[in-house]
């Protein structure tokens, strides 16, 4: 398999990662409209879910960076 195909697979993984984050963020935003304004616990739980997905995606992006470096330089 050539380097171009390997990097294309990494690119597809990156797009899947970003697509998952965007899907989850839009889903939570849509769900947040039904939360009562005074319900602080539900708002905090929603914020926690969004932050968990964003930070786990950041770690996934760092792992993809390591994968690209391994593919290109080794």
Protein backbone atom coordinates (compact mmCIF):
# COMPACT_ATOMS: atom_id res chain seq x y z
CA UNK A 1 0.00 0.00 0.00
CA UNK A 2 1.44 3.38 -0.98
CA UNK A 3 1.97 6.29 1.37
CA UNK A 4 -0.84 8.21 -0.33
CA UNK A 5 -3.38 5.52 0.47
CA UNK A 6 -2.21 5.27 4.06
CA UNK A 7 -2.56 9.02 4.52
CA UNK A 8 -5.97 8.89 2.84
CA UNK A 9 -7.09 6.35 5.44
CA UNK A 10 -5.84 8.66 8.19
CA UNK A 11 -7.75 11.54 6.57
CA UNK A 12 -10.94 9.45 6.55
CA UNK A 13 -10.36 8.70 10.24
CA UNK A 14 -9.94 12.41 10.94
CA UNK A 15 -13.16 13.22 9.08
CA UNK A 16 -14.99 10.52 11.04
CA UNK A 17 -13.63 11.94 14.30
CA UNK A 18 -14.70 15.49 13.46
CA UNK A 19 -18.05 14.29 12.12
CA UNK A 20 -18.72 12.48 15.38
CA UNK A 21 -17.92 15.57 17.41
CA UNK A 22 -20.14 17.77 15.24
CA UNK A 23 -22.99 15.25 15.35
CA UNK A 24 -22.82 15.03 19.14
CA UNK A 25 -22.58 18.80 19.61
CA UNK A 26 -25.59 19.47 17.38
CA UNK A 27 -27.55 16.69 19.07
CA UNK A 28 -26.86 18.16 22.50
CA UNK A 29 -27.76 21.63 21.31
CA UNK A 30 -31.08 20.34 20.00
CA UNK A 31 -31.69 18.43 23.22
CA UNK A 32 -30.74 21.49 25.29
CA UNK A 33 -33.75 23.42 24.04
CA UNK A 34 -36.04 21.08 25.97
CA UNK A 35 -34.21 21.59 29.29
CA UNK A 36 -36.07 23.83 31.71
CA UNK A 37 -34.24 27.14 32.32
CA UNK A 38 -33.91 26.49 36.07
CA UNK A 39 -32.68 22.91 35.80
CA UNK A 40 -29.01 23.41 36.63
CA UNK A 41 -28.24 19.70 37.02
CA UNK A 42 -29.44 18.88 33.50
CA UNK A 43 -27.48 21.81 32.06
CA UNK A 44 -24.34 20.72 33.87
CA UNK A 45 -24.77 17.13 32.66
CA UNK A 46 -25.16 18.37 29.11
CA UNK A 47 -22.01 20.47 29.40
CA UNK A 48 -20.11 17.50 30.81
CA UNK A 49 -21.15 15.28 27.89
CA UNK A 50 -20.07 17.86 25.32
CA UNK A 51 -16.72 18.47 27.02
CA UNK A 52 -16.07 14.73 27.29
CA UNK A 53 -16.60 14.27 23.57
CA UNK A 54 -14.49 17.30 22.64
CA UNK A 55 -11.54 16.33 24.82
CA UNK A 56 -11.66 12.68 23.80
CA UNK A 57 -11.67 13.84 20.15
CA UNK A 58 -8.63 15.99 20.89
CA UNK A 59 -6.82 12.93 22.23
CA UNK A 60 -7.93 11.00 19.16
CA UNK A 61 -6.52 13.77 16.96
CA UNK A 62 -3.20 13.55 18.77
CA UNK A 63 -3.13 9.81 18.16
CA UNK A 64 -3.84 10.41 14.48
CA UNK A 65 -0.91 12.83 14.42
CA UNK A 66 1.36 10.14 15.83
CA UNK A 67 0.03 7.70 13.24
CA UNK A 68 0.82 10.14 10.42
CA UNK A 69 4.33 10.72 11.76
CA UNK A 70 4.88 6.96 11.95
CA UNK A 71 3.60 6.45 8.40
CA UNK A 72 5.68 9.26 6.90
CA UNK A 73 8.97 8.90 8.74
CA UNK A 74 9.25 5.18 9.43
